[in-house]
PDB file of N, CA and C in Angstrom:
ATOM      1  N   MET A   1       0.852  -1.166   0.000  1.00  0.00           N
ATOM      2  CA  MET A   1       0.000   0.000   0.000  1.00  0.00           C
ATOM      3  C   MET A   1       0.903   1.234   0.000  1.00  0.00           C
ATOM      4  N   THR A   2       0.555   2.182  -0.823  1.00  0.00           N
ATOM      5  CA  THR A   2       1.365   3.392  -0.917  1.00  0.00           C
ATOM      6  C   THR A   2       1.113   4.295   0.293  1.00  0.00           C
ATOM      7  N   LYS A   3       2.049   5.187   0.523  1.00  0.00           N
ATOM      8  CA  LYS A   3       1.921   6.094   1.671  1.00  0.00           C
ATOM      9  C   LYS A   3       0.732   7.038   1.545  1.00  0.00           C
ATOM     10  N   PRO A   4       0.457   7.627   0.349  1.00  0.00           N
ATOM     11  CA  PRO A   4      -0.738   8.475   0.256  1.00  0.00           C
ATOM     12  C   PRO A   4      -2.042   7.706   0.498  1.00  0.00           C
ATOM     13  N   ALA A   5      -2.127   6.479   0.020  1.00  0.00           N
ATOM     14  CA  ALA A   5      -3.332   5.678   0.251  1.00  0.00           C
ATOM     15  C   ALA A   5      -3.469   5.345   1.731  1.00  0.00           C
ATOM     16  N   TRP A   6      -2.377   4.993   2.368  1.00  0.00           N
ATOM     17  CA  TRP A   6      -2.382   4.691   3.803  1.00  0.00           C
ATOM     18  C   TRP A   6      -2.801   5.928   4.606  1.00  0.00           C
ATOM     19  N   LEU A   7      -2.257   7.086   4.261  1.00  0.00           N
ATOM     20  CA  LEU A   7      -2.599   8.329   4.951  1.00  0.00           C
ATOM     21  C   LEU A   7      -4.069   8.671   4.751  1.00  0.00           C
ATOM     22  N   SER A   8      -4.569   8.508   3.543  1.00  0.00           N
ATOM     23  CA  SER A   8      -5.954   8.827   3.248  1.00  0.00           C
ATOM     24  C   SER A   8      -6.906   7.919   4.019  1.00  0.00           C
ATOM     25  N   LEU A   9      -6.599   6.631   4.075  1.00  0.00           N
ATOM     26  CA  LEU A   9      -7.463   5.712   4.811  1.00  0.00           C
ATOM     27  C   LEU A   9      -7.388   5.958   6.317  1.00  0.00           C
ATOM     28  N   THR A  10      -6.232   6.337   6.823  1.00  0.00           N
ATOM     29  CA  THR A  10      -6.094   6.663   8.241  1.00  0.00           C
ATOM     30  C   THR A  10      -6.890   7.918   8.584  1.00  0.00           C
ATOM     31  N   LEU A  11      -6.815   8.935   7.729  1.00  0.00           N
ATOM     32  CA  LEU A  11      -7.598  10.145   7.953  1.00  0.00           C
ATOM     33  C   LEU A  11      -9.093   9.867   7.842  1.00  0.00           C
ATOM     34  N   ALA A  12      -9.485   8.955   6.957  1.00  0.00           N
ATOM     35  CA  ALA A  12     -10.900   8.593   6.841  1.00  0.00           C
ATOM     36  C   ALA A  12     -11.397   7.937   8.120  1.00  0.00           C
ATOM     37  N   LEU A  13     -10.585   7.075   8.693  1.00  0.00           N
ATOM     38  CA  LEU A  13     -10.949   6.429   9.948  1.00  0.00           C
ATOM     39  C   LEU A  13     -11.071   7.459  11.066  1.00  0.00           C
ATOM     40  N   ALA A  14     -10.127   8.393  11.114  1.00  0.00           N
ATOM     41  CA  ALA A  14     -10.165   9.442  12.141  1.00  0.00           C
ATOM     42  C   ALA A  14     -11.393  10.333  11.967  1.00  0.00           C
ATOM     43  N   ALA A  15     -11.735  10.678  10.730  1.00  0.00           N
ATOM     44  CA  ALA A  15     -12.914  11.512  10.484  1.00  0.00           C
ATOM     45  C   ALA A  15     -14.192  10.759  10.838  1.00  0.00           C
ATOM     46  N   GLY A  16     -14.242   9.490  10.558  1.00  0.00           N
ATOM     47  CA  GLY A  16     -15.407   8.687  10.917  1.00  0.00           C
ATOM     48  C   GLY A  16     -15.600   8.589  12.415  1.00  0.00           C
ATOM     49  N   LEU A  17     -14.501   8.390  13.138  1.00  0.00           N
ATOM     50  CA  LEU A  17     -14.581   8.340  14.597  1.00  0.00           C
ATOM     51  C   LEU A  17     -14.958   9.697  15.173  1.00  0.00           C
ATOM     52  N   LEU A  18     -14.471  10.761  14.572  1.00  0.00           N
ATOM     53  CA  LEU A  18     -14.840  12.103  15.016  1.00  0.00           C
ATOM     54  C   LEU A  18     -16.325  12.351  14.784  1.00  0.00           C
ATOM     55  N   GLY A  19     -16.861  11.842  13.704  1.00  0.00           N
ATOM     56  CA  GLY A  19     -18.278  12.010  13.412  1.00  0.00           C
ATOM     57  C   GLY A  19     -19.173  11.293  14.403  1.00  0.00           C
ATOM     58  N   LEU A  20     -18.671  10.239  15.026  1.00  0.00           N
ATOM     59  CA  LEU A  20     -19.464   9.525  16.019  1.00  0.00           C
ATOM     60  C   LEU A  20     -19.513  10.262  17.353  1.00  0.00           C
ATOM     61  N   ASP A  21     -18.540  11.150  17.596  1.00  0.00           N
ATOM     62  CA  ASP A  21     -18.407  11.796  18.893  1.00  0.00           C
ATOM     63  C   ASP A  21     -18.890  13.252  18.909  1.00  0.00           C
ATOM     64  N   VAL A  22     -19.345  13.768  17.793  1.00  0.00           N
ATOM     65  CA  VAL A  22     -19.734  15.177  17.687  1.00  0.00           C
ATOM     66  C   VAL A  22     -21.195  15.332  18.108  1.00  0.00           C
ATOM     67  N   THR A  23     -21.506  16.405  18.849  1.00  0.00           N
ATOM     68  CA  THR A  23     -22.882  16.642  19.287  1.00  0.00           C
ATOM     69  C   THR A  23     -23.696  17.396  18.235  1.00  0.00           C
ATOM     70  N   SER A  24     -23.073  18.213  17.432  1.00  0.00           N
ATOM     71  CA  SER A  24     -23.774  18.989  16.411  1.00  0.00           C
ATOM     72  C   SER A  24     -24.068  18.116  15.190  1.00  0.00           C
ATOM     73  N   HIS A  25     -25.295  18.188  14.724  1.00  0.00           N
ATOM     74  CA  HIS A  25     -25.694  17.372  13.573  1.00  0.00           C
ATOM     75  C   HIS A  25     -24.957  17.800  12.300  1.00  0.00           C
ATOM     76  N   GLY A  26     -24.751  19.098  12.125  1.00  0.00           N
ATOM     77  CA  GLY A  26     -24.051  19.589  10.939  1.00  0.00           C
ATOM     78  C   GLY A  26     -22.601  19.135  10.903  1.00  0.00           C
ATOM     79  N   MET A  27     -21.939  19.165  12.047  1.00  0.00           N
ATOM     80  CA  MET A  27     -20.544  18.712  12.089  1.00  0.00           C
ATOM     81  C   MET A  27     -20.451  17.204  11.888  1.00  0.00           C
ATOM     82  N   GLN A  28     -21.458  16.472  12.344  1.00  0.00           N
ATOM     83  CA  GLN A  28     -21.467  15.032  12.147  1.00  0.00           C
ATOM     84  C   GLN A  28     -21.587  14.692  10.663  1.00  0.00           C
ATOM     85  N   ILE A  29     -22.446  15.389   9.968  1.00  0.00           N
ATOM     86  CA  ILE A  29     -22.606  15.166   8.528  1.00  0.00           C
ATOM     87  C   ILE A  29     -21.312  15.529   7.802  1.00  0.00           C
ATOM     88  N   ALA A  30     -20.705  16.657   8.191  1.00  0.00           N
ATOM     89  CA  ALA A  30     -19.446  17.070   7.555  1.00  0.00           C
ATOM     90  C   ALA A  30     -18.350  16.037   7.782  1.00  0.00           C
ATOM     91  N   ALA A  31     -18.286  15.475   8.987  1.00  0.00           N
ATOM     92  CA  ALA A  31     -17.268  14.460   9.279  1.00  0.00           C
ATOM     93  C   ALA A  31     -17.502  13.193   8.471  1.00  0.00           C
ATOM     94  N   PHE A  32     -18.757  12.791   8.323  1.00  0.00           N
ATOM     95  CA  PHE A  32     -19.046  11.582   7.549  1.00  0.00           C
ATOM     96  C   PHE A  32     -18.819  11.792   6.054  1.00  0.00           C
ATOM     97  N   VAL A  33     -19.112  12.986   5.554  1.00  0.00           N
ATOM     98  CA  VAL A  33     -18.834  13.291   4.141  1.00  0.00           C
ATOM     99  C   VAL A  33     -17.325  13.284   3.911  1.00  0.00           C
ATOM    100  N   ALA A  34     -16.579  13.896   4.825  1.00  0.00           N
ATOM    101  CA  ALA A  34     -15.109  13.892   4.707  1.00  0.00           C
ATOM    102  C   ALA A  34     -14.577  12.469   4.763  1.00  0.00           C
ATOM    103  N   SER A  35     -15.154  11.654   5.625  1.00  0.00           N
ATOM    104  CA  SER A  35     -14.733  10.261   5.722  1.00  0.00           C
ATOM    105  C   SER A  35     -14.986   9.514   4.419  1.00  0.00           C
ATOM    106  N   GLY A  36     -16.132   9.755   3.797  1.00  0.00           N
ATOM    107  CA  GLY A  36     -16.436   9.100   2.519  1.00  0.00           C
ATOM    108  C   GLY A  36     -15.505   9.534   1.410  1.00  0.00           C
ATOM    109  N   ILE A  37     -15.214  10.824   1.354  1.00  0.00           N
ATOM    110  CA  ILE A  37     -14.303  11.335   0.326  1.00  0.00           C
ATOM    111  C   ILE A  37     -12.895  10.783   0.529  1.00  0.00           C
ATOM    112  N   LEU A  38     -12.432  10.779   1.771  1.00  0.00           N
ATOM    113  CA  LEU A  38     -11.088  10.259   2.048  1.00  0.00           C
ATOM    114  C   LEU A  38     -11.002   8.758   1.791  1.00  0.00           C
ATOM    115  N   THR A  39     -12.070   8.039   2.065  1.00  0.00           N
ATOM    116  CA  THR A  39     -12.074   6.600   1.760  1.00  0.00           C
ATOM    117  C   THR A  39     -11.989   6.368   0.254  1.00  0.00           C
ATOM    118  N   ALA A  40     -12.734   7.160  -0.502  1.00  0.00           N
ATOM    119  CA  ALA A  40     -12.686   7.022  -1.961  1.00  0.00           C
ATOM    120  C   ALA A  40     -11.295   7.342  -2.501  1.00  0.00           C
ATOM    121  N   THR A  41     -10.665   8.395  -1.961  1.00  0.00           N
ATOM    122  CA  THR A  41      -9.324   8.739  -2.440  1.00  0.00           C
ATOM    123  C   THR A  41      -8.276   7.745  -1.947  1.00  0.00           C
ATOM    124  N   GLY A  42      -8.598   6.955  -0.951  1.00  0.00           N
ATOM    125  CA  GLY A  42      -7.677   5.911  -0.508  1.00  0.00           C
ATOM    126  C   GLY A  42      -7.841   4.622  -1.276  1.00  0.00           C
ATOM    127  N   VAL A  43      -9.066   4.315  -1.667  1.00  0.00           N
ATOM    128  CA  VAL A  43      -9.351   3.049  -2.344  1.00  0.00           C
ATOM    129  C   VAL A  43      -9.035   3.127  -3.842  1.00  0.00           C
ATOM    130  N   LEU A  44      -9.272   4.266  -4.460  1.00  0.00           N
ATOM    131  CA  LEU A  44      -9.026   4.389  -5.905  1.00  0.00           C
ATOM    132  C   LEU A  44      -7.568   4.111  -6.292  1.00  0.00           C
ATOM    133  N   PRO A  45      -6.572   4.643  -5.577  1.00  0.00           N
ATOM    134  CA  PRO A  45      -5.192   4.282  -5.939  1.00  0.00           C
ATOM    135  C   PRO A  45      -4.890   2.804  -5.745  1.00  0.00           C
ATOM    136  N   LEU A  46      -5.547   2.171  -4.779  1.00  0.00           N
ATOM    137  CA  LEU A  46      -5.327   0.740  -4.591  1.00  0.00           C
ATOM    138  C   LEU A  46      -5.871  -0.056  -5.771  1.00  0.00           C
ATOM    139  N   ILE A  47      -7.039   0.350  -6.259  1.00  0.00           N
ATOM    140  CA  ILE A  47      -7.629  -0.333  -7.423  1.00  0.00           C
ATOM    141  C   ILE A  47      -6.792  -0.068  -8.671  1.00  0.00           C
ATOM    142  N   ALA A  48      -6.371   1.170  -8.856  1.00  0.00           N
ATOM    143  CA  ALA A  48      -5.557   1.510 -10.027  1.00  0.00           C
ATOM    144  C   ALA A  48      -4.207   0.811  -9.967  1.00  0.00           C
ATOM    145  N   GLY A  49      -3.652   0.653  -8.786  1.00  0.00           N
ATOM    146  CA  GLY A  49      -2.364  -0.021  -8.637  1.00  0.00           C
ATOM    147  C   GLY A  49      -2.439  -1.488  -8.988  1.00  0.00           C
ATOM    148  N   LYS A  50      -3.599  -2.104  -8.801  1.00  0.00           N
ATOM    149  CA  LYS A  50      -3.757  -3.515  -9.154  1.00  0.00           C
ATOM    150  C   LYS A  50      -3.793  -3.704 -10.668  1.00  0.00           C
ATOM    151  N   ARG A  51      -4.307  -2.713 -11.372  1.00  0.00           N
ATOM    152  CA  ARG A  51      -4.425  -2.837 -12.832  1.00  0.00           C
ATOM    153  C   ARG A  51      -3.088  -2.641 -13.532  1.00  0.00           C
ATOM    154  N   PHE A  52      -2.248  -1.766 -13.000  1.00  0.00           N
ATOM    155  CA  PHE A  52      -0.962  -1.480 -13.609  1.00  0.00           C
ATOM    156  C   PHE A  52       0.116  -2.274 -12.875  1.00  0.00           C
ATOM    157  N   LYS A  53       0.572  -3.300 -13.505  1.00  0.00           N
ATOM    158  CA  LYS A  53       1.593  -4.143 -12.885  1.00  0.00           C
ATOM    159  C   LYS A  53       2.964  -3.505 -13.101  1.00  0.00           C
ATOM    160  N   PHE A  54       3.780  -3.564 -12.088  1.00  0.00           N
ATOM    161  CA  PHE A  54       5.138  -3.052 -12.193  1.00  0.00           C
ATOM    162  C   PHE A  54       6.036  -4.173 -12.700  1.00  0.00           C
ATOM    163  N   ASP A  55       6.782  -3.899 -13.761  1.00  0.00           N
ATOM    164  CA  ASP A  55       7.683  -4.886 -14.340  1.00  0.00           C
ATOM    165  C   ASP A  55       9.116  -4.481 -14.049  1.00  0.00           C
ATOM    166  N   PRO A  56       9.808  -5.162 -13.148  1.00  0.00           N
ATOM    167  CA  PRO A  56      11.174  -4.757 -12.814  1.00  0.00           C
ATOM    168  C   PRO A  56      12.177  -4.957 -13.951  1.00  0.00           C
ATOM    169  N   VAL A  57      11.826  -5.746 -14.970  1.00  0.00           N
ATOM    170  CA  VAL A  57      12.728  -5.983 -16.092  1.00  0.00           C
ATOM    171  C   VAL A  57      12.872  -4.716 -16.920  1.00  0.00           C
ATOM    172  N   LEU A  58      11.833  -3.895 -16.972  1.00  0.00           N
ATOM    173  CA  LEU A  58      11.866  -2.675 -17.773  1.00  0.00           C
ATOM    174  C   LEU A  58      12.802  -1.609 -17.197  1.00  0.00           C
ATOM    175  N   ARG A  59      13.124  -1.707 -15.935  1.00  0.00           N
ATOM    176  CA  ARG A  59      14.023  -0.727 -15.320  1.00  0.00           C
ATOM    177  C   ARG A  59      15.382  -1.009 -15.802  1.00  0.00           C
TER     178      ARG A  59
END
């Protein structure tokens, strides 16, 4: 897993946990939306990385 994907998924987890602990409904929605966006930006590079195989012979 790449460092940006790892960071994005970690931030998504933190935003999701923050959304569970917030008393304001608006901040809870904002935290869950941020969590969804960060999860998408973490998962997309993982999917794209599976499609493009690295060939060490080409180096």
